[in-house]
Amino acid sequence: MIVLGIESSCDDTSVSVLEDGNILSVATNTQLEHIGFGGVIPEIASREHLRFFPAVLEKALKDAGKKPEEIDAIGVTYGPGLVGCLLVGVNFAKGLAFSLSVPVVPVNHIEAHISANFIEHHDIKYPFVVLVVSGGHTELIFVPEYGVYELIGKTRDDAAGECIDKVSKMLGLGFPGGRIIDELAAKGEKDFVNFPRGMRNSLDFSFSGLKTAVKYYIEKHDPEFIRSNISNIAASFLESVTDSLTEKLFRAVKKHKAKTVLLAGGVSANSLLRKKVSEFSVKKGITFHYPHPKYCTDNAAMVAMTAYKKIMKHGIGSYSLTSELDAVPFLKLSEKN
């Protein structure tokens, strides 16, 4: 079975080809137009998706060595995300599906991030706890079996990735900030500044206080001091972020007696976060899975994998050319997907 994945929830235009559970190709155009704005501009992102989808589709099919008429089903992200961006992807998928007479499989973006783990790890054992952490989402989810999701913790304000991007901008390091902060932190002293950890007695997260603390710290010191200690500040900041994430993740694993733990989302590529979860897992005898870095950020491979697993569970006959399918920008990960 050949499944085409389509992803356009934010600023990545991505198409992937999967055959029988194996990714054959993934082609992605990451929009650089937003860097100068310090964040994604929805209108620009939507127009760029519209402009690039045909070429990205052509490249994905060429790299996979497949023709459009060989596609059996199309999986597409329909939420959550930026509504204009989602609309472009959904309608592109529906138009393509209509022309090929194949069904469309609606895919939840959060579920897709979780499914990115299955691309290289086909035998993940249930139940597991997964930490989904990105620029727009920070959520703890308990998964007792495939397709069943229990939200057990979420951010009350900024997502972790959003906080990292904003602090990177405060420090004059640019956007996006994930990789820059990660690289600088590796060269700094984590105890240089004792930044706060929010909501320590809850499985929910809060990063707005940390963001404000960094802002006040920068304002309190002269620019030369900040420049001279940029690696130390980055290390101290990242230590606070990863402490908040891992403390709650470990508590959730213990509470639900899970023997498997997963990371998902763009921030799951962070080296310090992976190191802390790996050390905990080894110590507790827990299996730890995380996606390859290329599958951590938004990509269509995770969408294709999700669609494939849904077809395997429910049957391809459960899906059709859903003309009623629409973008749902605030889509929740339901108890059963």
C-alpha atoms as a PDB file:
ATOM      1  CA  MET A   1       0.000   0.000   0.000  1.00  0.00           C
ATOM      2  CA  ILE A   2       1.291   3.449  -0.962  1.00  0.00           C
ATOM      3  CA  VAL A   3       0.223   6.419   1.169  1.00  0.00           C
ATOM      4  CA  LEU A   4       0.977  10.047   0.365  1.00  0.00           C
ATOM      5  CA  GLY A   5       1.387  12.395   3.342  1.00  0.00           C
ATOM      6  CA  ILE A   6       0.704  16.140   3.172  1.00  0.00           C
ATOM      7  CA  GLU A   7       1.696  18.636   5.886  1.00  0.00           C
ATOM      8  CA  SER A   8       1.162  22.420   5.941  1.00  0.00           C
ATOM      9  CA  SER A   9       0.128  23.332   9.489  1.00  0.00           C
ATOM     10  CA  CYS A  10       2.657  26.167   9.837  1.00  0.00           C
ATOM     11  CA  ASP A  11       5.562  27.205   7.606  1.00  0.00           C
ATOM     12  CA  ASP A  12       6.776  23.855   6.236  1.00  0.00           C
ATOM     13  CA  THR A  13       5.356  22.667   2.921  1.00  0.00           C
ATOM     14  CA  SER A  14       5.951  18.917   3.008  1.00  0.00           C
ATOM     15  CA  VAL A  15       4.991  15.815   1.027  1.00  0.00           C
ATOM     16  CA  SER A  16       6.048  12.236   1.779  1.00  0.00           C
ATOM     17  CA  VAL A  17       5.601   8.847   0.128  1.00  0.00           C
ATOM     18  CA  LEU A  18       5.210   5.726   2.298  1.00  0.00           C
ATOM     19  CA  GLU A  19       4.973   2.142   1.085  1.00  0.00           C
ATOM     20  CA  ASP A  20       3.856  -0.666   3.417  1.00  0.00           C
ATOM     21  CA  GLY A  21       4.962   1.218   6.518  1.00  0.00           C
ATOM     22  CA  ASN A  22       8.337   2.361   5.154  1.00  0.00           C
ATOM     23  CA  ILE A  23       9.121   5.960   4.204  1.00  0.00           C
ATOM     24  CA  LEU A  24      10.385   6.145   0.618  1.00  0.00           C
ATOM     25  CA  SER A  25      10.787   9.915   0.428  1.00  0.00           C
ATOM     26  CA  VAL A  26      10.023  13.188   2.129  1.00  0.00           C
ATOM     27  CA  ALA A  27      10.328  16.552   0.397  1.00  0.00           C
ATOM     28  CA  THR A  28      10.007  19.752   2.424  1.00  0.00           C
ATOM     29  CA  ASN A  29      10.237  23.440   1.647  1.00  0.00           C
ATOM     30  CA  THR A  30      10.969  25.390   4.834  1.00  0.00           C
ATOM     31  CA  GLN A  31      10.004  29.022   4.398  1.00  0.00           C
ATOM     32  CA  LEU A  32      12.840  31.417   5.169  1.00  0.00           C
ATOM     33  CA  GLU A  33      10.727  34.511   4.541  1.00  0.00           C
ATOM     34  CA  HIS A  34       9.717  34.694   8.216  1.00  0.00           C
ATOM     35  CA  ILE A  35      13.203  34.941   9.739  1.00  0.00           C
ATOM     36  CA  GLY A  36      13.347  38.712   9.442  1.00  0.00           C
ATOM     37  CA  PHE A  37      10.023  39.053  11.248  1.00  0.00           C
ATOM     38  CA  GLY A  38      11.105  36.970  14.227  1.00  0.00           C
ATOM     39  CA  GLY A  39       8.089  34.690  13.797  1.00  0.00           C
ATOM     40  CA  VAL A  40       5.744  33.137  11.257  1.00  0.00           C
ATOM     41  CA  ILE A  41       3.420  35.497   9.340  1.00  0.00           C
ATOM     42  CA  PRO A  42       0.292  33.420   8.586  1.00  0.00           C
ATOM     43  CA  GLU A  43      -0.692  35.209   5.362  1.00  0.00           C
ATOM     44  CA  ILE A  44       2.789  34.818   3.887  1.00  0.00           C
ATOM     45  CA  ALA A  45       2.966  31.187   4.970  1.00  0.00           C
ATOM     46  CA  SER A  46      -0.379  30.371   3.316  1.00  0.00           C
ATOM     47  CA  ARG A  47       0.637  31.930   0.009  1.00  0.00           C
ATOM     48  CA  GLU A  48       3.988  30.146   0.023  1.00  0.00           C
ATOM     49  CA  HIS A  49       2.267  26.785   0.573  1.00  0.00           C
ATOM     50  CA  LEU A  50       0.054  27.480  -2.414  1.00  0.00           C
ATOM     51  CA  ARG A  51       3.102  28.346  -4.509  1.00  0.00           C
ATOM     52  CA  PHE A  52       5.313  25.401  -3.532  1.00  0.00           C
ATOM     53  CA  PHE A  53       3.004  22.393  -3.166  1.00  0.00           C
ATOM     54  CA  PRO A  54       3.132  21.288  -6.846  1.00  0.00           C
ATOM     55  CA  ALA A  55       6.944  21.285  -6.923  1.00  0.00           C
ATOM     56  CA  VAL A  56       7.258  19.593  -3.515  1.00  0.00           C
ATOM     57  CA  LEU A  57       4.803  16.883  -4.611  1.00  0.00           C
ATOM     58  CA  GLU A  58       6.751  16.320  -7.822  1.00  0.00           C
ATOM     59  CA  LYS A  59      10.027  15.961  -5.919  1.00  0.00           C
ATOM     60  CA  ALA A  60       8.572  13.549  -3.343  1.00  0.00           C
ATOM     61  CA  LEU A  61       7.179  11.277  -6.074  1.00  0.00           C
ATOM     62  CA  LYS A  62      10.386  11.449  -8.109  1.00  0.00           C
ATOM     63  CA  ASP A  63      12.581  10.624  -5.097  1.00  0.00           C
ATOM     64  CA  ALA A  64      10.312   7.680  -4.249  1.00  0.00           C
ATOM     65  CA  GLY A  65      10.269   6.422  -7.831  1.00  0.00           C
ATOM     66  CA  LYS A  66       6.471   6.432  -7.868  1.00  0.00           C
ATOM     67  CA  LYS A  67       3.769   7.810 -10.165  1.00  0.00           C
ATOM     68  CA  PRO A  68       0.610   9.601  -8.954  1.00  0.00           C
ATOM     69  CA  GLU A  69      -1.627   6.779 -10.176  1.00  0.00           C
ATOM     70  CA  GLU A  70       0.152   4.339  -7.833  1.00  0.00           C
ATOM     71  CA  ILE A  71      -1.084   6.191  -4.723  1.00  0.00           C
ATOM     72  CA  ASP A  72      -3.682   4.261  -2.698  1.00  0.00           C
ATOM     73  CA  ALA A  73      -4.573   6.925  -0.105  1.00  0.00           C
ATOM     74  CA  ILE A  74      -3.677  10.448   0.968  1.00  0.00           C
ATOM     75  CA  GLY A  75      -3.143  11.513   4.574  1.00  0.00           C
ATOM     76  CA  VAL A  76      -3.350  15.232   5.350  1.00  0.00           C
ATOM     77  CA  THR A  77      -2.982  17.368   8.462  1.00  0.00           C
ATOM     78  CA  TYR A  78      -6.284  19.175   9.115  1.00  0.00           C
ATOM     79  CA  GLY A  79      -5.442  20.615  12.553  1.00  0.00           C
ATOM     80  CA  PRO A  80      -4.290  22.030  14.839  1.00  0.00           C
ATOM     81  CA  GLY A  81      -2.333  24.803  13.133  1.00  0.00           C
ATOM     82  CA  LEU A  82      -2.666  28.098  11.282  1.00  0.00           C
ATOM     83  CA  VAL A  83      -6.048  28.072   9.574  1.00  0.00           C
ATOM     84  CA  GLY A  84      -4.896  29.492   6.225  1.00  0.00           C
ATOM     85  CA  CYS A  85      -1.974  27.090   6.023  1.00  0.00           C
ATOM     86  CA  LEU A  86      -4.175  24.122   6.912  1.00  0.00           C
ATOM     87  CA  LEU A  87      -6.753  25.128   4.287  1.00  0.00           C
ATOM     88  CA  VAL A  88      -4.139  25.065   1.537  1.00  0.00           C
ATOM     89  CA  GLY A  89      -2.970  21.582   2.500  1.00  0.00           C
ATOM     90  CA  VAL A  90      -6.464  20.147   3.005  1.00  0.00           C
ATOM     91  CA  ASN A  91      -7.756  21.458  -0.316  1.00  0.00           C
ATOM     92  CA  PHE A  92      -4.615  20.386  -2.151  1.00  0.00           C
ATOM     93  CA  ALA A  93      -5.101  16.872  -0.747  1.00  0.00           C
ATOM     94  CA  LYS A  94      -8.805  16.798  -1.620  1.00  0.00           C
ATOM     95  CA  GLY A  95      -8.186  17.993  -5.176  1.00  0.00           C
ATOM     96  CA  LEU A  96      -5.430  15.443  -5.706  1.00  0.00           C
ATOM     97  CA  ALA A  97      -7.528  12.670  -4.159  1.00  0.00           C
ATOM     98  CA  PHE A  98     -10.475  13.539  -6.409  1.00  0.00           C
ATOM     99  CA  SER A  99      -8.296  13.391  -9.520  1.00  0.00           C
ATOM    100  CA  LEU A 100      -6.887   9.992  -8.486  1.00  0.00           C
ATOM    101  CA  SER A 101     -10.130   8.568  -7.013  1.00  0.00           C
ATOM    102  CA  VAL A 102      -8.447   7.649  -3.728  1.00  0.00           C
ATOM    103  CA  PRO A 103      -9.574   8.232  -0.116  1.00  0.00           C
ATOM    104  CA  VAL A 104      -8.372  11.023   2.175  1.00  0.00           C
ATOM    105  CA  VAL A 105      -7.316  10.189   5.739  1.00  0.00           C
ATOM    106  CA  PRO A 106      -7.655  13.188   8.127  1.00  0.00           C
ATOM    107  CA  VAL A 107      -4.621  13.441  10.445  1.00  0.00           C
ATOM    108  CA  ASN A 108      -4.290  15.267  13.756  1.00  0.00           C
ATOM    109  CA  HIS A 109      -0.981  17.148  13.854  1.00  0.00           C
ATOM    110  CA  ILE A 110      -0.217  16.123  17.448  1.00  0.00           C
ATOM    111  CA  GLU A 111      -0.928  12.466  16.714  1.00  0.00           C
ATOM    112  CA  ALA A 112       1.403  12.767  13.720  1.00  0.00           C
ATOM    113  CA  HIS A 113       4.237  14.016  15.928  1.00  0.00           C
ATOM    114  CA  ILE A 114       3.717  11.010  18.202  1.00  0.00           C
ATOM    115  CA  SER A 115       3.660   8.692  15.173  1.00  0.00           C
ATOM    116  CA  ALA A 116       7.032  10.047  14.036  1.00  0.00           C
ATOM    117  CA  ASN A 117       8.478   7.624  16.584  1.00  0.00           C
ATOM    118  CA  PHE A 118       7.078   4.672  14.607  1.00  0.00           C
ATOM    119  CA  ILE A 119       9.010   5.590  11.461  1.00  0.00           C
ATOM    120  CA  GLU A 120      12.183   3.971  12.807  1.00  0.00           C
ATOM    121  CA  HIS A 121      10.751   2.050  15.781  1.00  0.00           C
ATOM    122  CA  HIS A 122       8.015  -0.300  14.575  1.00  0.00           C
ATOM    123  CA  ASP A 123       7.694  -2.313  17.788  1.00  0.00           C
ATOM    124  CA  ILE A 124       6.966   0.354  20.418  1.00  0.00           C
ATOM    125  CA  LYS A 125       5.300  -1.236  23.412  1.00  0.00           C
ATOM    126  CA  TYR A 126       2.140   0.090  25.071  1.00  0.00           C
ATOM    127  CA  PRO A 127       1.292   1.682  27.399  1.00  0.00           C
ATOM    128  CA  PHE A 128       3.611   4.666  27.128  1.00  0.00           C
ATOM    129  CA  VAL A 129       3.872   8.292  28.196  1.00  0.00           C
ATOM    130  CA  VAL A 130       4.853  10.790  25.514  1.00  0.00           C
ATOM    131  CA  LEU A 131       6.053  14.365  25.928  1.00  0.00           C
ATOM    132  CA  VAL A 132       5.047  16.420  22.889  1.00  0.00           C
ATOM    133  CA  VAL A 133       7.126  19.567  22.941  1.00  0.00           C
ATOM    134  CA  SER A 134       7.393  22.138  20.152  1.00  0.00           C
ATOM    135  CA  GLY A 135       6.964  25.807  19.309  1.00  0.00           C
ATOM    136  CA  GLY A 136       3.198  25.580  19.624  1.00  0.00           C
ATOM    137  CA  HIS A 137       2.605  22.626  21.939  1.00  0.00           C
ATOM    138  CA  THR A 138       3.829  21.290  25.263  1.00  0.00           C
ATOM    139  CA  GLU A 139       1.721  18.320  26.349  1.00  0.00           C
ATOM    140  CA  LEU A 140       2.065  15.155  28.411  1.00  0.00           C
ATOM    141  CA  ILE A 141      -0.043  12.318  27.016  1.00  0.00           C
ATOM    142  CA  PHE A 142      -0.677   8.817  28.340  1.00  0.00           C
ATOM    143  CA  VAL A 143      -1.272   6.257  25.577  1.00  0.00           C
ATOM    144  CA  PRO A 144      -2.579   2.885  26.872  1.00  0.00           C
ATOM    145  CA  GLU A 145      -3.083   1.487  23.348  1.00  0.00           C
ATOM    146  CA  TYR A 146      -2.835   2.670  19.761  1.00  0.00           C
ATOM    147  CA  GLY A 147      -5.224   5.528  18.983  1.00  0.00           C
ATOM    148  CA  VAL A 148      -6.251   6.138  22.612  1.00  0.00           C
ATOM    149  CA  TYR A 149      -4.887   9.337  24.162  1.00  0.00           C
ATOM    150  CA  GLU A 150      -5.267  10.773  27.658  1.00  0.00           C
ATOM    151  CA  LEU A 151      -4.022  14.334  28.116  1.00  0.00           C
ATOM    152  CA  ILE A 152      -2.426  14.455  31.571  1.00  0.00           C
ATOM    153  CA  GLY A 153      -0.517  17.739  31.415  1.00  0.00           C
ATOM    154  CA  LYS A 154      -0.284  20.821  29.210  1.00  0.00           C
ATOM    155  CA  THR A 155       1.176  24.314  29.184  1.00  0.00           C
ATOM    156  CA  ARG A 156      -0.874  27.080  30.777  1.00  0.00           C
ATOM    157  CA  ASP A 157       0.809  29.779  28.682  1.00  0.00           C
ATOM    158  CA  ASP A 158       3.837  29.646  26.358  1.00  0.00           C
ATOM    159  CA  ALA A 159       4.913  26.362  24.841  1.00  0.00           C
ATOM    160  CA  ALA A 160       8.528  25.399  25.568  1.00  0.00           C
ATOM    161  CA  GLY A 161       9.630  25.982  21.986  1.00  0.00           C
ATOM    162  CA  GLU A 162       7.866  29.343  21.918  1.00  0.00           C
ATOM    163  CA  CYS A 163       9.706  30.349  25.092  1.00  0.00           C
ATOM    164  CA  ILE A 164      13.037  29.281  23.576  1.00  0.00           C
ATOM    165  CA  ASP A 165      12.372  31.311  20.425  1.00  0.00           C
ATOM    166  CA  LYS A 166      11.420  34.407  22.431  1.00  0.00           C
ATOM    167  CA  VAL A 167      14.482  34.195  24.674  1.00  0.00           C
ATOM    168  CA  SER A 168      16.678  33.682  21.632  1.00  0.00           C
ATOM    169  CA  LYS A 169      15.254  36.893  20.208  1.00  0.00           C
ATOM    170  CA  MET A 170      15.852  38.731  23.527  1.00  0.00           C
ATOM    171  CA  LEU A 171      19.484  37.632  23.447  1.00  0.00           C
ATOM    172  CA  GLY A 172      19.881  38.823  19.863  1.00  0.00           C
ATOM    173  CA  LEU A 173      20.437  35.283  18.554  1.00  0.00           C
ATOM    174  CA  GLY A 174      17.695  35.252  15.931  1.00  0.00           C
ATOM    175  CA  PHE A 175      14.724  33.078  14.976  1.00  0.00           C
ATOM    176  CA  PRO A 176      14.158  30.186  15.261  1.00  0.00           C
ATOM    177  CA  GLY A 177      16.174  29.746  18.425  1.00  0.00           C
ATOM    178  CA  GLY A 178      16.184  26.023  19.190  1.00  0.00           C
ATOM    179  CA  ARG A 179      19.413  24.963  17.534  1.00  0.00           C
ATOM    180  CA  ILE A 180      21.256  28.180  18.448  1.00  0.00           C
ATOM    181  CA  ILE A 181      20.370  27.920  22.152  1.00  0.00           C
ATOM    182  CA  ASP A 182      21.228  24.197  22.168  1.00  0.00           C
ATOM    183  CA  GLU A 183      24.690  24.783  20.679  1.00  0.00           C
ATOM    184  CA  LEU A 184      25.500  27.732  22.954  1.00  0.00           C
ATOM    185  CA  ALA A 185      24.272  25.917  26.073  1.00  0.00           C
ATOM    186  CA  ALA A 186      26.651  23.030  25.389  1.00  0.00           C
ATOM    187  CA  LYS A 187      29.560  25.450  25.938  1.00  0.00           C
ATOM    188  CA  GLY A 188      28.172  27.204  29.027  1.00  0.00           C
ATOM    189  CA  GLU A 189      27.761  26.737  32.779  1.00  0.00           C
ATOM    190  CA  LYS A 190      24.274  25.544  33.691  1.00  0.00           C
ATOM    191  CA  ASP A 191      24.483  26.956  37.247  1.00  0.00           C
ATOM    192  CA  PHE A 192      25.570  30.445  36.161  1.00  0.00           C
ATOM    193  CA  VAL A 193      22.048  31.819  36.771  1.00  0.00           C
ATOM    194  CA  ASN A 194      19.352  30.161  38.867  1.00  0.00           C
ATOM    195  CA  PHE A 195      16.336  30.738  36.637  1.00  0.00           C
ATOM    196  CA  PRO A 196      12.911  29.667  37.997  1.00  0.00           C
ATOM    197  CA  ARG A 197      11.022  26.424  37.289  1.00  0.00           C
ATOM    198  CA  GLY A 198       7.272  26.946  36.977  1.00  0.00           C
ATOM    199  CA  MET A 199       4.395  24.950  38.506  1.00  0.00           C
ATOM    200  CA  ARG A 200       6.557  22.333  40.210  1.00  0.00           C
ATOM    201  CA  ASN A 201       3.626  20.712  42.032  1.00  0.00           C
ATOM    202  CA  SER A 202       1.583  20.026  38.903  1.00  0.00           C
ATOM    203  CA  LEU A 203       1.837  18.024  35.675  1.00  0.00           C
ATOM    204  CA  ASP A 204       0.939  21.216  33.826  1.00  0.00           C
ATOM    205  CA  PHE A 205       3.643  23.532  32.492  1.00  0.00           C
ATOM    206  CA  SER A 206       4.276  27.267  32.612  1.00  0.00           C
ATOM    207  CA  PHE A 207       7.110  29.065  30.862  1.00  0.00           C
ATOM    208  CA  SER A 208       5.949  32.699  30.913  1.00  0.00           C
ATOM    209  CA  GLY A 209       7.604  33.300  34.306  1.00  0.00           C
ATOM    210  CA  LEU A 210      10.900  31.942  33.023  1.00  0.00           C
ATOM    211  CA  LYS A 211      10.685  34.135  29.938  1.00  0.00           C
ATOM    212  CA  THR A 212      10.057  37.190  32.137  1.00  0.00           C
ATOM    213  CA  ALA A 213      12.933  36.265  34.464  1.00  0.00           C
ATOM    214  CA  VAL A 214      15.339  36.141  31.513  1.00  0.00           C
ATOM    215  CA  LYS A 215      14.022  39.500  30.289  1.00  0.00           C
ATOM    216  CA  TYR A 216      14.644  41.132  33.690  1.00  0.00           C
ATOM    217  CA  TYR A 217      18.094  39.531  33.915  1.00  0.00           C
ATOM    218  CA  ILE A 218      19.073  40.976  30.531  1.00  0.00           C
ATOM    219  CA  GLU A 219      17.756  44.417  31.465  1.00  0.00           C
ATOM    220  CA  LYS A 220      19.647  44.334  34.791  1.00  0.00           C
ATOM    221  CA  HIS A 221      23.074  43.798  33.160  1.00  0.00           C
ATOM    222  CA  ASP A 222      24.925  45.835  30.584  1.00  0.00           C
ATOM    223  CA  PRO A 223      25.095  44.540  26.974  1.00  0.00           C
ATOM    224  CA  GLU A 224      28.800  43.677  27.157  1.00  0.00           C
ATOM    225  CA  PHE A 225      28.232  41.435  30.187  1.00  0.00           C
ATOM    226  CA  ILE A 226      25.421  39.640  28.349  1.00  0.00           C
ATOM    227  CA  ARG A 227      27.580  39.162  25.242  1.00  0.00           C
ATOM    228  CA  SER A 228      30.516  37.888  27.302  1.00  0.00           C
ATOM    229  CA  ASN A 229      28.338  35.375  29.154  1.00  0.00           C
ATOM    230  CA  ILE A 230      25.898  34.425  26.391  1.00  0.00           C
ATOM    231  CA  SER A 231      26.777  30.705  26.573  1.00  0.00           C
ATOM    232  CA  ASN A 232      26.380  30.641  30.375  1.00  0.00           C
ATOM    233  CA  ILE A 233      23.019  32.393  30.176  1.00  0.00           C
ATOM    234  CA  ALA A 234      21.848  30.023  27.438  1.00  0.00           C
ATOM    235  CA  ALA A 235      22.979  27.010  29.481  1.00  0.00           C
ATOM    236  CA  SER A 236      21.212  28.233  32.627  1.00  0.00           C
ATOM    237  CA  PHE A 237      18.042  28.998  30.682  1.00  0.00           C
ATOM    238  CA  LEU A 238      18.011  25.626  28.908  1.00  0.00           C
ATOM    239  CA  GLU A 239      18.650  23.847  32.204  1.00  0.00           C
ATOM    240  CA  SER A 240      15.471  25.425  33.583  1.00  0.00           C
ATOM    241  CA  VAL A 241      13.420  24.498  30.505  1.00  0.00           C
ATOM    242  CA  THR A 242      14.582  20.871  30.447  1.00  0.00           C
ATOM    243  CA  ASP A 243      14.232  20.512  34.225  1.00  0.00           C
ATOM    244  CA  SER A 244      10.594  21.601  33.999  1.00  0.00           C
ATOM    245  CA  LEU A 245       9.939  19.186  31.141  1.00  0.00           C
ATOM    246  CA  THR A 246      11.701  16.153  32.585  1.00  0.00           C
ATOM    247  CA  GLU A 247      10.516  16.504  36.195  1.00  0.00           C
ATOM    248  CA  LYS A 248       6.904  16.293  35.050  1.00  0.00           C
ATOM    249  CA  LEU A 249       7.589  13.584  32.501  1.00  0.00           C
ATOM    250  CA  PHE A 250       9.265  11.381  35.120  1.00  0.00           C
ATOM    251  CA  ARG A 251       6.416  11.989  37.560  1.00  0.00           C
ATOM    252  CA  ALA A 252       3.875  11.003  34.889  1.00  0.00           C
ATOM    253  CA  VAL A 253       5.795   7.815  34.061  1.00  0.00           C
ATOM    254  CA  LYS A 254       5.775   6.836  37.731  1.00  0.00           C
ATOM    255  CA  LYS A 255       2.088   7.706  38.182  1.00  0.00           C
ATOM    256  CA  HIS A 256       0.976   5.604  35.205  1.00  0.00           C
ATOM    257  CA  LYS A 257       3.524   2.818  35.780  1.00  0.00           C
ATOM    258  CA  ALA A 258       4.620   3.108  32.154  1.00  0.00           C
ATOM    259  CA  LYS A 259       7.586   1.086  30.930  1.00  0.00           C
ATOM    260  CA  THR A 260       8.021   3.104  27.738  1.00  0.00           C
ATOM    261  CA  VAL A 261       8.595   6.832  27.283  1.00  0.00           C
ATOM    262  CA  LEU A 262       8.584   8.839  24.049  1.00  0.00           C
ATOM    263  CA  LEU A 263       9.577  12.329  22.968  1.00  0.00           C
ATOM    264  CA  ALA A 264       7.929  14.098  20.041  1.00  0.00           C
ATOM    265  CA  GLY A 265       7.898  17.537  18.411  1.00  0.00           C
ATOM    266  CA  GLY A 266      10.572  19.995  17.357  1.00  0.00           C
ATOM    267  CA  VAL A 267      12.110  20.504  20.812  1.00  0.00           C
ATOM    268  CA  SER A 268      12.540  16.723  21.182  1.00  0.00           C
ATOM    269  CA  ALA A 269      15.654  17.164  19.032  1.00  0.00           C
ATOM    270  CA  ASN A 270      17.286  19.116  21.871  1.00  0.00           C
ATOM    271  CA  SER A 271      20.424  17.290  22.993  1.00  0.00           C
ATOM    272  CA  LEU A 272      20.122  18.147  26.703  1.00  0.00           C
ATOM    273  CA  LEU A 273      16.492  17.021  26.867  1.00  0.00           C
ATOM    274  CA  ARG A 274      17.344  13.711  25.213  1.00  0.00           C
ATOM    275  CA  LYS A 275      20.319  13.218  27.531  1.00  0.00           C
ATOM    276  CA  LYS A 276      18.231  13.724  30.681  1.00  0.00           C
ATOM    277  CA  VAL A 277      15.431  11.406  29.543  1.00  0.00           C
ATOM    278  CA  SER A 278      17.950   8.795  28.400  1.00  0.00           C
ATOM    279  CA  GLU A 279      19.759   8.794  31.763  1.00  0.00           C
ATOM    280  CA  PHE A 280      16.455   8.492  33.635  1.00  0.00           C
ATOM    281  CA  SER A 281      15.316   5.637  31.389  1.00  0.00           C
ATOM    282  CA  VAL A 282      18.533   3.667  31.864  1.00  0.00           C
ATOM    283  CA  LYS A 283      18.371   4.175  35.634  1.00  0.00           C
ATOM    284  CA  LYS A 284      14.725   3.033  35.849  1.00  0.00           C
ATOM    285  CA  GLY A 285      14.920   0.264  33.236  1.00  0.00           C
ATOM    286  CA  ILE A 286      12.472   2.054  30.956  1.00  0.00           C
ATOM    287  CA  THR A 287      12.505   1.888  27.150  1.00  0.00           C
ATOM    288  CA  PHE A 288      13.086   5.312  25.577  1.00  0.00           C
ATOM    289  CA  HIS A 289      12.236   6.202  21.974  1.00  0.00           C
ATOM    290  CA  TYR A 290      12.600   9.460  20.090  1.00  0.00           C
ATOM    291  CA  PRO A 291      12.404  10.394  16.397  1.00  0.00           C
ATOM    292  CA  HIS A 292      15.376  11.062  14.153  1.00  0.00           C
ATOM    293  CA  PRO A 293      15.986  14.851  14.181  1.00  0.00           C
ATOM    294  CA  LYS A 294      14.684  15.151  10.595  1.00  0.00           C
ATOM    295  CA  TYR A 295      11.321  13.808  11.798  1.00  0.00           C
ATOM    296  CA  CYS A 296      11.086  16.036  14.899  1.00  0.00           C
ATOM    297  CA  THR A 297      10.077  19.250  13.153  1.00  0.00           C
ATOM    298  CA  ASP A 298       6.936  19.444  10.995  1.00  0.00           C
ATOM    299  CA  ASN A 299       7.180  16.965   8.117  1.00  0.00           C
ATOM    300  CA  ALA A 300       4.899  14.865   5.933  1.00  0.00           C
ATOM    301  CA  ALA A 301       6.568  11.555   6.797  1.00  0.00           C
ATOM    302  CA  MET A 302       4.899  11.582  10.213  1.00  0.00           C
ATOM    303  CA  VAL A 303       1.570  12.368   8.518  1.00  0.00           C
ATOM    304  CA  ALA A 304       1.957   9.482   6.065  1.00  0.00           C
ATOM    305  CA  MET A 305       2.845   7.116   8.929  1.00  0.00           C
ATOM    306  CA  THR A 306      -0.208   8.212  10.941  1.00  0.00           C
ATOM    307  CA  ALA A 307      -2.507   7.739   7.951  1.00  0.00           C
ATOM    308  CA  TYR A 308      -1.016   4.302   7.269  1.00  0.00           C
ATOM    309  CA  LYS A 309      -1.504   3.162  10.874  1.00  0.00           C
ATOM    310  CA  LYS A 310      -5.102   4.431  10.856  1.00  0.00           C
ATOM    311  CA  ILE A 311      -5.789   2.491   7.651  1.00  0.00           C
ATOM    312  CA  MET A 312      -4.224  -0.631   9.147  1.00  0.00           C
ATOM    313  CA  LYS A 313      -6.466  -0.297  12.204  1.00  0.00           C
ATOM    314  CA  HIS A 314      -9.761   0.762  10.637  1.00  0.00           C
ATOM    315  CA  GLY A 315      -9.420  -0.441   7.027  1.00  0.00           C
ATOM    316  CA  ILE A 316      -9.113   1.677   3.914  1.00  0.00           C
ATOM    317  CA  GLY A 317     -12.860   1.330   3.391  1.00  0.00           C
ATOM    318  CA  SER A 318     -13.409   3.521   6.467  1.00  0.00           C
ATOM    319  CA  TYR A 319     -12.132   6.527   4.517  1.00  0.00           C
ATOM    320  CA  SER A 320     -13.415   8.276   1.436  1.00  0.00           C
ATOM    321  CA  LEU A 321     -12.965  11.431  -0.583  1.00  0.00           C
ATOM    322  CA  THR A 322     -14.221  13.566   2.295  1.00  0.00           C
ATOM    323  CA  SER A 323     -15.574  16.682   0.591  1.00  0.00           C
ATOM    324  CA  GLU A 324     -16.761  17.795   4.055  1.00  0.00           C
ATOM    325  CA  LEU A 325     -13.225  17.745   5.462  1.00  0.00           C
ATOM    326  CA  ASP A 326     -12.176  21.217   6.592  1.00  0.00           C
ATOM    327  CA  ALA A 327      -9.333  22.838   8.504  1.00  0.00           C
ATOM    328  CA  VAL A 328      -9.751  22.830  12.292  1.00  0.00           C
ATOM    329  CA  PRO A 329      -7.119  25.233  13.701  1.00  0.00           C
ATOM    330  CA  PHE A 330      -7.819  24.419  17.374  1.00  0.00           C
ATOM    331  CA  LEU A 331      -8.309  20.682  16.906  1.00  0.00           C
ATOM    332  CA  LYS A 332      -7.829  18.658  20.093  1.00  0.00           C
ATOM    333  CA  LEU A 333      -6.331  15.201  20.394  1.00  0.00           C
ATOM    334  CA  SER A 334      -9.453  13.289  21.372  1.00  0.00           C
ATOM    335  CA  GLU A 335      -9.654  10.282  23.611  1.00  0.00           C
ATOM    336  CA  LYS A 336      -9.920   8.077  20.524  1.00  0.00           C
ATOM    337  CA  ASN A 337      -8.506   9.112  17.129  1.00  0.00           C
END
